[in-house]
Amino acid sequence: MVSINKRICNFIAKEWITCSKSNRSFAINHNIDEKTVRKILKEDGYRIPVKTLQKICEAKEIKLSTFFQLIDE
């Protein structure tokens, strides 16, 4: 079974980061550090803080609850 952290990171990487112009532009547009983007892209994912996830969701104009529904599909 895939850990929740890995599922979160994989979703963000696949659905949002890879569609962006660059890691840097994703970081700037989502009010997070570029280092965090690189951590999300790691194969094993990382333990993404809820605050970081909230920033990404706010930039995407979705609620955290909606995000969790997306990764649960």
N, C-alpha and C. Protein backbone atom coordinates (compact mmCIF):
# COMPACT_ATOMS: atom_id res chain seq x y z
N MET A 1 0.83 -1.19 0.00
CA MET A 1 0.00 0.00 0.00
C MET A 1 0.88 1.25 0.00
N VAL A 2 0.52 2.21 -0.83
CA VAL A 2 1.27 3.45 -0.95
C VAL A 2 0.90 4.38 0.21
N SER A 3 1.92 4.98 0.82
CA SER A 3 1.67 5.89 1.95
C SER A 3 0.91 7.12 1.48
N ILE A 4 0.20 7.73 2.39
CA ILE A 4 -0.57 8.93 2.08
C ILE A 4 0.35 10.06 1.61
N ASN A 5 1.52 10.17 2.22
CA ASN A 5 2.46 11.22 1.81
C ASN A 5 2.88 11.03 0.36
N LYS A 6 3.15 9.80 -0.01
CA LYS A 6 3.56 9.51 -1.39
C LYS A 6 2.40 9.78 -2.36
N ARG A 7 1.19 9.41 -1.97
CA ARG A 7 0.03 9.67 -2.83
C ARG A 7 -0.19 11.16 -3.04
N ILE A 8 -0.03 11.94 -1.98
CA ILE A 8 -0.19 13.39 -2.09
C ILE A 8 0.87 13.96 -3.03
N CYS A 9 2.12 13.60 -2.79
CA CYS A 9 3.22 14.12 -3.61
C CYS A 9 3.10 13.67 -5.06
N ASN A 10 2.76 12.41 -5.27
CA ASN A 10 2.62 11.91 -6.64
C ASN A 10 1.52 12.65 -7.39
N PHE A 11 0.42 12.92 -6.72
CA PHE A 11 -0.68 13.64 -7.36
C PHE A 11 -0.22 15.05 -7.74
N ILE A 12 0.37 15.76 -6.80
CA ILE A 12 0.81 17.13 -7.06
C ILE A 12 1.84 17.14 -8.19
N ALA A 13 2.78 16.22 -8.14
CA ALA A 13 3.82 16.15 -9.17
C ALA A 13 3.22 15.87 -10.54
N LYS A 14 2.40 14.86 -10.63
CA LYS A 14 1.85 14.42 -11.92
C LYS A 14 0.84 15.41 -12.49
N GLU A 15 -0.07 15.86 -11.66
CA GLU A 15 -1.18 16.70 -12.14
C GLU A 15 -0.85 18.18 -12.25
N TRP A 16 0.08 18.67 -11.42
CA TRP A 16 0.28 20.11 -11.38
C TRP A 16 1.71 20.53 -11.70
N ILE A 17 2.71 19.93 -11.08
CA ILE A 17 4.08 20.41 -11.29
C ILE A 17 4.55 20.14 -12.71
N THR A 18 4.30 18.94 -13.23
CA THR A 18 4.77 18.62 -14.58
C THR A 18 4.11 19.49 -15.65
N CYS A 19 2.95 20.07 -15.34
CA CYS A 19 2.26 20.94 -16.29
C CYS A 19 2.79 22.37 -16.23
N SER A 20 3.58 22.66 -15.23
CA SER A 20 4.09 24.01 -15.06
C SER A 20 5.32 24.24 -15.94
N LYS A 21 5.62 25.48 -16.15
CA LYS A 21 6.77 25.87 -16.98
C LYS A 21 8.08 25.34 -16.39
N SER A 22 8.21 25.42 -15.08
CA SER A 22 9.42 24.95 -14.39
C SER A 22 9.10 24.76 -12.91
N ASN A 23 10.03 24.11 -12.22
CA ASN A 23 9.88 23.95 -10.77
C ASN A 23 9.83 25.32 -10.10
N ARG A 24 10.67 26.20 -10.59
CA ARG A 24 10.75 27.55 -10.01
C ARG A 24 9.43 28.29 -10.18
N SER A 25 8.87 28.23 -11.38
CA SER A 25 7.62 28.95 -11.62
C SER A 25 6.48 28.36 -10.77
N PHE A 26 6.45 27.03 -10.62
CA PHE A 26 5.44 26.42 -9.75
C PHE A 26 5.60 26.93 -8.33
N ALA A 27 6.83 26.96 -7.85
CA ALA A 27 7.10 27.43 -6.49
C ALA A 27 6.64 28.87 -6.30
N ILE A 28 6.99 29.73 -7.23
CA ILE A 28 6.61 31.14 -7.13
C ILE A 28 5.09 31.29 -7.18
N ASN A 29 4.46 30.60 -8.12
CA ASN A 29 3.01 30.73 -8.30
C ASN A 29 2.20 30.13 -7.15
N HIS A 30 2.83 29.27 -6.35
CA HIS A 30 2.12 28.61 -5.26
C HIS A 30 2.64 29.00 -3.88
N ASN A 31 3.49 30.03 -3.86
CA ASN A 31 3.99 30.60 -2.60
C ASN A 31 4.72 29.56 -1.73
N ILE A 32 5.52 28.72 -2.39
CA ILE A 32 6.34 27.74 -1.66
C ILE A 32 7.77 27.84 -2.16
N ASP A 33 8.69 27.25 -1.44
CA ASP A 33 10.10 27.27 -1.80
C ASP A 33 10.37 26.26 -2.92
N GLU A 34 11.29 26.60 -3.81
CA GLU A 34 11.65 25.68 -4.89
C GLU A 34 12.20 24.37 -4.34
N LYS A 35 12.87 24.43 -3.21
CA LYS A 35 13.39 23.22 -2.55
C LYS A 35 12.24 22.27 -2.20
N THR A 36 11.11 22.83 -1.80
CA THR A 36 9.94 22.03 -1.49
C THR A 36 9.41 21.33 -2.73
N VAL A 37 9.43 22.01 -3.85
CA VAL A 37 8.99 21.40 -5.11
C VAL A 37 9.88 20.20 -5.44
N ARG A 38 11.17 20.35 -5.26
CA ARG A 38 12.08 19.22 -5.52
C ARG A 38 11.80 18.05 -4.58
N LYS A 39 11.46 18.34 -3.34
CA LYS A 39 11.13 17.27 -2.39
C LYS A 39 9.85 16.55 -2.82
N ILE A 40 8.85 17.30 -3.28
CA ILE A 40 7.60 16.70 -3.74
C ILE A 40 7.86 15.77 -4.92
N LEU A 41 8.80 16.14 -5.77
CA LEU A 41 9.10 15.36 -6.97
C LEU A 41 9.92 14.10 -6.70
N LYS A 42 10.45 13.95 -5.49
CA LYS A 42 11.22 12.75 -5.17
C LYS A 42 10.35 11.52 -5.36
N GLU A 43 10.95 10.45 -5.82
CA GLU A 43 10.21 9.21 -6.10
C GLU A 43 9.43 8.70 -4.89
N ASP A 44 10.04 8.81 -3.72
CA ASP A 44 9.38 8.34 -2.51
C ASP A 44 8.48 9.39 -1.86
N GLY A 45 8.43 10.59 -2.46
CA GLY A 45 7.65 11.67 -1.88
C GLY A 45 8.30 12.16 -0.60
N TYR A 46 7.58 12.94 0.15
CA TYR A 46 8.07 13.39 1.45
C TYR A 46 6.89 13.78 2.31
N ARG A 47 7.14 13.96 3.59
CA ARG A 47 6.06 14.27 4.53
C ARG A 47 5.70 15.75 4.41
N ILE A 48 4.83 16.03 3.46
CA ILE A 48 4.47 17.40 3.17
C ILE A 48 3.66 18.01 4.31
N PRO A 49 4.10 19.15 4.81
CA PRO A 49 3.34 19.79 5.90
C PRO A 49 1.97 20.25 5.40
N VAL A 50 1.00 20.22 6.29
CA VAL A 50 -0.35 20.66 5.93
C VAL A 50 -0.33 22.12 5.49
N LYS A 51 0.49 22.93 6.11
CA LYS A 51 0.60 24.35 5.74
C LYS A 51 1.02 24.49 4.28
N THR A 52 1.97 23.68 3.84
CA THR A 52 2.43 23.71 2.45
C THR A 52 1.31 23.26 1.52
N LEU A 53 0.65 22.20 1.89
CA LEU A 53 -0.47 21.70 1.10
C LEU A 53 -1.57 22.76 1.00
N GLN A 54 -1.82 23.45 2.10
CA GLN A 54 -2.83 24.51 2.10
C GLN A 54 -2.44 25.63 1.14
N LYS A 55 -1.18 26.03 1.12
CA LYS A 55 -0.72 27.07 0.20
C LYS A 55 -0.94 26.67 -1.24
N ILE A 56 -0.61 25.41 -1.56
CA ILE A 56 -0.79 24.92 -2.92
C ILE A 56 -2.27 24.93 -3.29
N CYS A 57 -3.10 24.44 -2.39
CA CYS A 57 -4.54 24.40 -2.65
C CYS A 57 -5.13 25.81 -2.80
N GLU A 58 -4.68 26.74 -1.97
CA GLU A 58 -5.15 28.12 -2.09
C GLU A 58 -4.80 28.70 -3.46
N ALA A 59 -3.59 28.43 -3.92
CA ALA A 59 -3.17 28.92 -5.24
C ALA A 59 -3.99 28.27 -6.35
N LYS A 60 -4.41 27.03 -6.15
CA LYS A 60 -5.23 26.32 -7.12
C LYS A 60 -6.72 26.64 -6.94
N GLU A 61 -7.01 27.42 -5.90
CA GLU A 61 -8.37 27.83 -5.57
C GLU A 61 -9.29 26.63 -5.31
N ILE A 62 -8.75 25.68 -4.53
CA ILE A 62 -9.56 24.56 -4.08
C ILE A 62 -9.40 24.40 -2.57
N LYS A 63 -10.38 23.78 -1.96
CA LYS A 63 -10.33 23.51 -0.52
C LYS A 63 -9.49 22.26 -0.28
N LEU A 64 -8.93 22.15 0.91
CA LEU A 64 -8.19 20.94 1.26
C LEU A 64 -9.07 19.71 1.13
N SER A 65 -10.32 19.82 1.52
CA SER A 65 -11.23 18.67 1.42
C SER A 65 -11.40 18.24 -0.03
N THR A 66 -11.45 19.18 -0.94
CA THR A 66 -11.56 18.86 -2.36
C THR A 66 -10.29 18.17 -2.84
N PHE A 67 -9.15 18.64 -2.36
CA PHE A 67 -7.88 18.01 -2.75
C PHE A 67 -7.88 16.54 -2.34
N PHE A 68 -8.29 16.27 -1.12
CA PHE A 68 -8.28 14.88 -0.64
C PHE A 68 -9.28 14.01 -1.41
N GLN A 69 -10.35 14.62 -1.87
CA GLN A 69 -11.28 13.86 -2.73
C GLN A 69 -10.60 13.53 -4.06
N LEU A 70 -9.83 14.47 -4.58
CA LEU A 70 -9.13 14.22 -5.85
C LEU A 70 -8.14 13.07 -5.75
N ILE A 71 -7.39 13.01 -4.66
CA ILE A 71 -6.40 11.94 -4.55
C ILE A 71 -7.02 10.61 -4.16
N ASP A 72 -8.26 10.66 -3.71
CA ASP A 72 -8.94 9.43 -3.31
C ASP A 72 -9.65 8.74 -4.47
N GLU A 73 -9.69 9.41 -5.61
CA GLU A 73 -10.39 8.84 -6.78
C GLU A 73 -9.60 7.73 -7.42
